[in-house]
Amino acid sequence: MKKVRCINDKNMFAGANIKHGDEYIVTEEFMNNWGQKTYILEGVNNGGVTPKGLTWRGYDSIRFSDFTKDKIENKELNFALN
């Protein structure tokens, strides 16, 4: 399982309840019908219907940053600066 942090919560469909800055655990990763890498997250609503009647499942990965990777990069930056 991978941990991610939300970096973009704008223009979400009804029922989506992720928030900028919050951390989530990815339980499933897959490519959706539009070729987007998509995450299913633990503890949030992962599906619904768009205003145009299309179903959606999961969240586009570009809305998140990899929490573990960010933590390592910050540690390396702090080491380099000190």
PDB file of N, CA and C in Angstrom:
ATOM      1  N   MET A   1       0.837  -1.181   0.000  1.00  0.00           N
ATOM      2  CA  MET A   1       0.000   0.000   0.000  1.00  0.00           C
ATOM      3  C   MET A   1       0.878   1.240   0.000  1.00  0.00           C
ATOM      4  N   LYS A   2       0.390   2.244  -0.669  1.00  0.00           N
ATOM      5  CA  LYS A   2       1.139   3.480  -0.825  1.00  0.00           C
ATOM      6  C   LYS A   2       0.370   4.616  -0.172  1.00  0.00           C
ATOM      7  N   LYS A   3       1.102   5.574   0.378  1.00  0.00           N
ATOM      8  CA  LYS A   3       0.498   6.738   1.020  1.00  0.00           C
ATOM      9  C   LYS A   3       0.688   7.943   0.111  1.00  0.00           C
ATOM     10  N   VAL A   4      -0.393   8.714  -0.092  1.00  0.00           N
ATOM     11  CA  VAL A   4      -0.344   9.896  -0.954  1.00  0.00           C
ATOM     12  C   VAL A   4      -0.947  11.091  -0.233  1.00  0.00           C
ATOM     13  N   ARG A   5      -0.590  12.294  -0.708  1.00  0.00           N
ATOM     14  CA  ARG A   5      -1.139  13.539  -0.152  1.00  0.00           C
ATOM     15  C   ARG A   5      -1.867  14.274  -1.272  1.00  0.00           C
ATOM     16  N   CYS A   6      -3.071  14.760  -0.991  1.00  0.00           N
ATOM     17  CA  CYS A   6      -3.858  15.488  -1.989  1.00  0.00           C
ATOM     18  C   CYS A   6      -3.241  16.862  -2.232  1.00  0.00           C
ATOM     19  N   ILE A   7      -3.019  17.191  -3.523  1.00  0.00           N
ATOM     20  CA  ILE A   7      -2.476  18.502  -3.877  1.00  0.00           C
ATOM     21  C   ILE A   7      -3.449  19.306  -4.739  1.00  0.00           C
ATOM     22  N   ASN A   8      -4.577  18.682  -5.141  1.00  0.00           N
ATOM     23  CA  ASN A   8      -5.563  19.389  -5.973  1.00  0.00           C
ATOM     24  C   ASN A   8      -6.957  18.820  -5.700  1.00  0.00           C
ATOM     25  N   ASP A   9      -7.798  19.614  -5.045  1.00  0.00           N
ATOM     26  CA  ASP A   9      -9.169  19.167  -4.778  1.00  0.00           C
ATOM     27  C   ASP A   9     -10.197  20.065  -5.472  1.00  0.00           C
ATOM     28  N   LYS A  10      -9.785  20.748  -6.521  1.00  0.00           N
ATOM     29  CA  LYS A  10     -10.681  21.657  -7.240  1.00  0.00           C
ATOM     30  C   LYS A  10     -11.449  20.915  -8.333  1.00  0.00           C
ATOM     31  N   ASN A  11     -12.640  21.411  -8.656  1.00  0.00           N
ATOM     32  CA  ASN A  11     -13.489  20.867  -9.728  1.00  0.00           C
ATOM     33  C   ASN A  11     -13.762  19.367  -9.587  1.00  0.00           C
ATOM     34  N   MET A  12     -14.131  18.948  -8.402  1.00  0.00           N
ATOM     35  CA  MET A  12     -14.440  17.538  -8.151  1.00  0.00           C
ATOM     36  C   MET A  12     -15.919  17.281  -8.443  1.00  0.00           C
ATOM     37  N   PHE A  13     -16.228  16.030  -8.787  1.00  0.00           N
ATOM     38  CA  PHE A  13     -17.615  15.635  -9.015  1.00  0.00           C
ATOM     39  C   PHE A  13     -18.355  15.534  -7.685  1.00  0.00           C
ATOM     40  N   ALA A  14     -19.675  15.602  -7.749  1.00  0.00           N
ATOM     41  CA  ALA A  14     -20.494  15.460  -6.540  1.00  0.00           C
ATOM     42  C   ALA A  14     -20.199  14.110  -5.895  1.00  0.00           C
ATOM     43  N   GLY A  15     -20.041  14.110  -4.602  1.00  0.00           N
ATOM     44  CA  GLY A  15     -19.767  12.882  -3.871  1.00  0.00           C
ATOM     45  C   GLY A  15     -18.297  12.671  -3.578  1.00  0.00           C
ATOM     46  N   ALA A  16     -17.424  13.353  -4.293  1.00  0.00           N
ATOM     47  CA  ALA A  16     -15.984  13.246  -4.036  1.00  0.00           C
ATOM     48  C   ALA A  16     -15.676  14.016  -2.761  1.00  0.00           C
ATOM     49  N   ASN A  17     -14.920  13.408  -1.870  1.00  0.00           N
ATOM     50  CA  ASN A  17     -14.689  14.078  -0.590  1.00  0.00           C
ATOM     51  C   ASN A  17     -13.216  14.069  -0.170  1.00  0.00           C
ATOM     52  N   ILE A  18     -12.304  14.273  -1.112  1.00  0.00           N
ATOM     53  CA  ILE A  18     -10.904  14.434  -0.751  1.00  0.00           C
ATOM     54  C   ILE A  18     -10.641  15.900  -0.481  1.00  0.00           C
ATOM     55  N   LYS A  19      -9.632  16.182   0.353  1.00  0.00           N
ATOM     56  CA  LYS A  19      -9.325  17.563   0.720  1.00  0.00           C
ATOM     57  C   LYS A  19      -7.844  17.830   0.548  1.00  0.00           C
ATOM     58  N   HIS A  20      -7.536  19.027   0.071  1.00  0.00           N
ATOM     59  CA  HIS A  20      -6.151  19.444  -0.137  1.00  0.00           C
ATOM     60  C   HIS A  20      -5.351  19.321   1.154  1.00  0.00           C
ATOM     61  N   GLY A  21      -4.187  18.708   1.081  1.00  0.00           N
ATOM     62  CA  GLY A  21      -3.306  18.562   2.237  1.00  0.00           C
ATOM     63  C   GLY A  21      -3.524  17.294   3.042  1.00  0.00           C
ATOM     64  N   ASP A  22      -4.660  16.620   2.862  1.00  0.00           N
ATOM     65  CA  ASP A  22      -4.923  15.391   3.602  1.00  0.00           C
ATOM     66  C   ASP A  22      -4.149  14.225   2.996  1.00  0.00           C
ATOM     67  N   GLU A  23      -3.815  13.249   3.846  1.00  0.00           N
ATOM     68  CA  GLU A  23      -3.085  12.059   3.412  1.00  0.00           C
ATOM     69  C   GLU A  23      -4.049  10.890   3.309  1.00  0.00           C
ATOM     70  N   TYR A  24      -3.824  10.040   2.312  1.00  0.00           N
ATOM     71  CA  TYR A  24      -4.686   8.889   2.052  1.00  0.00           C
ATOM     72  C   TYR A  24      -3.845   7.663   1.750  1.00  0.00           C
ATOM     73  N   ILE A  25      -4.433   6.498   1.981  1.00  0.00           N
ATOM     74  CA  ILE A  25      -3.788   5.231   1.642  1.00  0.00           C
ATOM     75  C   ILE A  25      -4.447   4.692   0.381  1.00  0.00           C
ATOM     76  N   VAL A  26      -3.624   4.367  -0.614  1.00  0.00           N
ATOM     77  CA  VAL A  26      -4.107   3.823  -1.886  1.00  0.00           C
ATOM     78  C   VAL A  26      -4.291   2.325  -1.718  1.00  0.00           C
ATOM     79  N   THR A  27      -5.521   1.842  -1.947  1.00  0.00           N
ATOM     80  CA  THR A  27      -5.785   0.409  -1.836  1.00  0.00           C
ATOM     81  C   THR A  27      -5.741  -0.287  -3.188  1.00  0.00           C
ATOM     82  N   GLU A  28      -5.915   0.496  -4.268  1.00  0.00           N
ATOM     83  CA  GLU A  28      -5.879  -0.069  -5.613  1.00  0.00           C
ATOM     84  C   GLU A  28      -5.434   1.005  -6.601  1.00  0.00           C
ATOM     85  N   GLU A  29      -4.641   0.600  -7.601  1.00  0.00           N
ATOM     86  CA  GLU A  29      -4.165   1.484  -8.663  1.00  0.00           C
ATOM     87  C   GLU A  29      -4.509   0.842  -9.994  1.00  0.00           C
ATOM     88  N   PHE A  30      -5.057   1.614 -10.942  1.00  0.00           N
ATOM     89  CA  PHE A  30      -5.372   1.066 -12.255  1.00  0.00           C
ATOM     90  C   PHE A  30      -5.457   2.182 -13.284  1.00  0.00           C
ATOM     91  N   MET A  31      -5.482   1.793 -14.569  1.00  0.00           N
ATOM     92  CA  MET A  31      -5.670   2.749 -15.663  1.00  0.00           C
ATOM     93  C   MET A  31      -7.162   2.756 -15.992  1.00  0.00           C
ATOM     94  N   ASN A  32      -7.772   3.952 -16.021  1.00  0.00           N
ATOM     95  CA  ASN A  32      -9.199   4.023 -16.341  1.00  0.00           C
ATOM     96  C   ASN A  32      -9.409   4.060 -17.858  1.00  0.00           C
ATOM     97  N   ASN A  33     -10.657   4.196 -18.287  1.00  0.00           N
ATOM     98  CA  ASN A  33     -10.986   4.184 -19.717  1.00  0.00           C
ATOM     99  C   ASN A  33     -10.385   5.349 -20.494  1.00  0.00           C
ATOM    100  N   TRP A  34      -9.983   6.407 -19.823  1.00  0.00           N
ATOM    101  CA  TRP A  34      -9.405   7.578 -20.477  1.00  0.00           C
ATOM    102  C   TRP A  34      -7.883   7.573 -20.408  1.00  0.00           C
ATOM    103  N   GLY A  35      -7.307   6.466 -19.970  1.00  0.00           N
ATOM    104  CA  GLY A  35      -5.852   6.340 -19.914  1.00  0.00           C
ATOM    105  C   GLY A  35      -5.203   7.046 -18.747  1.00  0.00           C
ATOM    106  N   GLN A  36      -5.983   7.367 -17.721  1.00  0.00           N
ATOM    107  CA  GLN A  36      -5.441   8.034 -16.537  1.00  0.00           C
ATOM    108  C   GLN A  36      -5.108   7.001 -15.474  1.00  0.00           C
ATOM    109  N   LYS A  37      -3.965   7.181 -14.825  1.00  0.00           N
ATOM    110  CA  LYS A  37      -3.626   6.351 -13.675  1.00  0.00           C
ATOM    111  C   LYS A  37      -4.568   6.776 -12.545  1.00  0.00           C
ATOM    112  N   THR A  38      -5.289   5.838 -11.981  1.00  0.00           N
ATOM    113  CA  THR A  38      -6.355   6.140 -11.038  1.00  0.00           C
ATOM    114  C   THR A  38      -6.129   5.415  -9.709  1.00  0.00           C
ATOM    115  N   TYR A  39      -6.467   6.084  -8.615  1.00  0.00           N
ATOM    116  CA  TYR A  39      -6.320   5.518  -7.277  1.00  0.00           C
ATOM    117  C   TYR A  39      -7.688   5.272  -6.651  1.00  0.00           C
ATOM    118  N   ILE A  40      -7.822   4.138  -5.980  1.00  0.00           N
ATOM    119  CA  ILE A  40      -8.928   3.887  -5.064  1.00  0.00           C
ATOM    120  C   ILE A  40      -8.342   4.112  -3.673  1.00  0.00           C
ATOM    121  N   LEU A  41      -8.978   4.993  -2.908  1.00  0.00           N
ATOM    122  CA  LEU A  41      -8.446   5.404  -1.607  1.00  0.00           C
ATOM    123  C   LEU A  41      -9.236   4.806  -0.457  1.00  0.00           C
ATOM    124  N   GLU A  42      -8.534   4.551   0.617  1.00  0.00           N
ATOM    125  CA  GLU A  42      -9.157   4.006   1.820  1.00  0.00           C
ATOM    126  C   GLU A  42      -9.885   5.110   2.585  1.00  0.00           C
ATOM    127  N   GLY A  43     -11.123   4.838   3.003  1.00  0.00           N
ATOM    128  CA  GLY A  43     -11.854   5.741   3.887  1.00  0.00           C
ATOM    129  C   GLY A  43     -12.579   6.905   3.237  1.00  0.00           C
ATOM    130  N   VAL A  44     -12.671   6.951   1.904  1.00  0.00           N
ATOM    131  CA  VAL A  44     -13.403   8.024   1.226  1.00  0.00           C
ATOM    132  C   VAL A  44     -14.319   7.429   0.166  1.00  0.00           C
ATOM    133  N   ASN A  45     -15.253   8.240  -0.318  1.00  0.00           N
ATOM    134  CA  ASN A  45     -16.133   7.820  -1.405  1.00  0.00           C
ATOM    135  C   ASN A  45     -15.311   7.711  -2.692  1.00  0.00           C
ATOM    136  N   ASN A  46     -15.347   6.568  -3.352  1.00  0.00           N
ATOM    137  CA  ASN A  46     -14.534   6.331  -4.540  1.00  0.00           C
ATOM    138  C   ASN A  46     -15.341   6.194  -5.817  1.00  0.00           C
ATOM    139  N   GLY A  47     -16.562   6.670  -5.833  1.00  0.00           N
ATOM    140  CA  GLY A  47     -17.356   6.562  -7.047  1.00  0.00           C
ATOM    141  C   GLY A  47     -18.615   7.392  -6.989  1.00  0.00           C
ATOM    142  N   GLY A  48     -19.215   7.559  -8.163  1.00  0.00           N
ATOM    143  CA  GLY A  48     -20.437   8.334  -8.256  1.00  0.00           C
ATOM    144  C   GLY A  48     -20.819   8.567  -9.702  1.00  0.00           C
ATOM    145  N   VAL A  49     -21.628   9.601  -9.922  1.00  0.00           N
ATOM    146  CA  VAL A  49     -22.106   9.936 -11.261  1.00  0.00           C
ATOM    147  C   VAL A  49     -21.782  11.402 -11.538  1.00  0.00           C
ATOM    148  N   THR A  50     -21.261  11.684 -12.731  1.00  0.00           N
ATOM    149  CA  THR A  50     -20.941  13.059 -13.122  1.00  0.00           C
ATOM    150  C   THR A  50     -22.234  13.807 -13.454  1.00  0.00           C
ATOM    151  N   PRO A  51     -22.186  15.137 -13.570  1.00  0.00           N
ATOM    152  CA  PRO A  51     -23.384  15.893 -13.953  1.00  0.00           C
ATOM    153  C   PRO A  51     -23.952  15.476 -15.310  1.00  0.00           C
ATOM    154  N   LYS A  52     -23.136  14.896 -16.167  1.00  0.00           N
ATOM    155  CA  LYS A  52     -23.599  14.445 -17.485  1.00  0.00           C
ATOM    156  C   LYS A  52     -24.063  12.993 -17.484  1.00  0.00           C
ATOM    157  N   GLY A  53     -24.108  12.369 -16.308  1.00  0.00           N
ATOM    158  CA  GLY A  53     -24.635  11.017 -16.185  1.00  0.00           C
ATOM    159  C   GLY A  53     -23.625   9.894 -16.355  1.00  0.00           C
ATOM    160  N   LEU A  54     -22.347  10.219 -16.477  1.00  0.00           N
ATOM    161  CA  LEU A  54     -21.316   9.191 -16.590  1.00  0.00           C
ATOM    162  C   LEU A  54     -20.882   8.740 -15.196  1.00  0.00           C
ATOM    163  N   THR A  55     -20.583   7.479 -15.047  1.00  0.00           N
ATOM    164  CA  THR A  55     -20.104   7.001 -13.751  1.00  0.00           C
ATOM    165  C   THR A  55     -18.607   7.257 -13.636  1.00  0.00           C
ATOM    166  N   TRP A  56     -18.163   7.553 -12.444  1.00  0.00           N
ATOM    167  CA  TRP A  56     -16.739   7.702 -12.194  1.00  0.00           C
ATOM    168  C   TRP A  56     -16.352   6.788 -11.045  1.00  0.00           C
ATOM    169  N   ARG A  57     -15.118   6.304 -11.095  1.00  0.00           N
ATOM    170  CA  ARG A  57     -14.607   5.410 -10.059  1.00  0.00           C
ATOM    171  C   ARG A  57     -13.152   5.764  -9.803  1.00  0.00           C
ATOM    172  N   GLY A  58     -12.821   6.125  -8.580  1.00  0.00           N
ATOM    173  CA  GLY A  58     -11.454   6.462  -8.208  1.00  0.00           C
ATOM    174  C   GLY A  58     -11.086   7.898  -8.533  1.00  0.00           C
ATOM    175  N   TYR A  59      -9.846   8.253  -8.177  1.00  0.00           N
ATOM    176  CA  TYR A  59      -9.351   9.615  -8.345  1.00  0.00           C
ATOM    177  C   TYR A  59      -8.103   9.611  -9.217  1.00  0.00           C
ATOM    178  N   ASP A  60      -8.010  10.585 -10.121  1.00  0.00           N
ATOM    179  CA  ASP A  60      -6.851  10.722 -11.001  1.00  0.00           C
ATOM    180  C   ASP A  60      -5.593  10.936 -10.152  1.00  0.00           C
ATOM    181  N   SER A  61      -4.536  10.202 -10.465  1.00  0.00           N
ATOM    182  CA  SER A  61      -3.310  10.257  -9.664  1.00  0.00           C
ATOM    183  C   SER A  61      -2.626  11.621  -9.699  1.00  0.00           C
ATOM    184  N   ILE A  62      -2.916  12.452 -10.723  1.00  0.00           N
ATOM    185  CA  ILE A  62      -2.253  13.765 -10.774  1.00  0.00           C
ATOM    186  C   ILE A  62      -2.773  14.706  -9.684  1.00  0.00           C
ATOM    187  N   ARG A  63      -3.831  14.314  -9.002  1.00  0.00           N
ATOM    188  CA  ARG A  63      -4.348  15.108  -7.887  1.00  0.00           C
ATOM    189  C   ARG A  63      -3.562  14.859  -6.592  1.00  0.00           C
ATOM    190  N   PHE A  64      -2.565  13.971  -6.642  1.00  0.00           N
ATOM    191  CA  PHE A  64      -1.845  13.558  -5.437  1.00  0.00           C
ATOM    192  C   PHE A  64      -0.340  13.590  -5.644  1.00  0.00           C
ATOM    193  N   SER A  65       0.387  13.726  -4.538  1.00  0.00           N
ATOM    194  CA  SER A  65       1.839  13.534  -4.557  1.00  0.00           C
ATOM    195  C   SER A  65       2.132  12.329  -3.671  1.00  0.00           C
ATOM    196  N   ASP A  66       3.167  11.609  -4.029  1.00  0.00           N
ATOM    197  CA  ASP A  66       3.554  10.415  -3.277  1.00  0.00           C
ATOM    198  C   ASP A  66       4.165  10.852  -1.953  1.00  0.00           C
ATOM    199  N   PHE A  67       3.500  10.544  -0.865  1.00  0.00           N
ATOM    200  CA  PHE A  67       3.910  10.990   0.469  1.00  0.00           C
ATOM    201  C   PHE A  67       5.299  10.476   0.821  1.00  0.00           C
ATOM    202  N   THR A  68       5.578   9.217   0.544  1.00  0.00           N
ATOM    203  CA  THR A  68       6.867   8.612   0.880  1.00  0.00           C
ATOM    204  C   THR A  68       7.981   9.284   0.092  1.00  0.00           C
ATOM    205  N   LYS A  69       7.762   9.510  -1.191  1.00  0.00           N
ATOM    206  CA  LYS A  69       8.765  10.153  -2.043  1.00  0.00           C
ATOM    207  C   LYS A  69       9.036  11.574  -1.564  1.00  0.00           C
ATOM    208  N   ASP A  70       7.980  12.328  -1.227  1.00  0.00           N
ATOM    209  CA  ASP A  70       8.131  13.698  -0.727  1.00  0.00           C
ATOM    210  C   ASP A  70       8.960  13.716   0.548  1.00  0.00           C
ATOM    211  N   LYS A  71       8.717  12.768   1.431  1.00  0.00           N
ATOM    212  CA  LYS A  71       9.416  12.700   2.706  1.00  0.00           C
ATOM    213  C   LYS A  71      10.913  12.465   2.481  1.00  0.00           C
ATOM    214  N   ILE A  72      11.243  11.571   1.550  1.00  0.00           N
ATOM    215  CA  ILE A  72      12.644  11.270   1.241  1.00  0.00           C
ATOM    216  C   ILE A  72      13.315  12.487   0.612  1.00  0.00           C
ATOM    217  N   GLU A  73      12.633  13.153  -0.333  1.00  0.00           N
ATOM    218  CA  GLU A  73      13.208  14.326  -0.985  1.00  0.00           C
ATOM    219  C   GLU A  73      13.444  15.455   0.006  1.00  0.00           C
ATOM    220  N   ASN A  74      12.534  15.665   0.945  1.00  0.00           N
ATOM    221  CA  ASN A  74      12.707  16.694   1.968  1.00  0.00           C
ATOM    222  C   ASN A  74      13.897  16.380   2.868  1.00  0.00           C
ATOM    223  N   LYS A  75      14.061  15.104   3.219  1.00  0.00           N
ATOM    224  CA  LYS A  75      15.174  14.688   4.061  1.00  0.00           C
ATOM    225  C   LYS A  75      16.500  14.927   3.331  1.00  0.00           C
ATOM    226  N   GLU A  76      16.556  14.596   2.030  1.00  0.00           N
ATOM    227  CA  GLU A  76      17.758  14.802   1.232  1.00  0.00           C
ATOM    228  C   GLU A  76      18.061  16.301   1.096  1.00  0.00           C
ATOM    229  N   LEU A  77      17.029  17.120   0.887  1.00  0.00           N
ATOM    230  CA  LEU A  77      17.211  18.556   0.779  1.00  0.00           C
ATOM    231  C   LEU A  77      17.762  19.137   2.070  1.00  0.00           C
ATOM    232  N   ASN A  78      17.198  18.745   3.203  1.00  0.00           N
ATOM    233  CA  ASN A  78      17.671  19.226   4.495  1.00  0.00           C
ATOM    234  C   ASN A  78      19.122  18.820   4.723  1.00  0.00           C
ATOM    235  N   PHE A  79      19.490  17.611   4.335  1.00  0.00           N
ATOM    236  CA  PHE A  79      20.871  17.145   4.486  1.00  0.00           C
ATOM    237  C   PHE A  79      21.803  18.002   3.628  1.00  0.00           C
ATOM    238  N   ALA A  80      21.386  18.294   2.379  1.00  0.00           N
ATOM    239  CA  ALA A  80      22.216  19.072   1.469  1.00  0.00           C
ATOM    240  C   ALA A  80      22.392  20.515   1.958  1.00  0.00           C
ATOM    241  N   LEU A  81      21.345  21.075   2.554  1.00  0.00           N
ATOM    242  CA  LEU A  81      21.413  22.453   3.022  1.00  0.00           C
ATOM    243  C   LEU A  81      22.213  22.605   4.310  1.00  0.00           C
ATOM    244  N   ASN A  82      22.323  21.554   5.082  1.00  0.00           N
ATOM    245  CA  ASN A  82      23.033  21.629   6.367  1.00  0.00           C
ATOM    246  C   ASN A  82      24.346  21.012   6.225  1.00  0.00           C
TER     247      ASN A  82
END
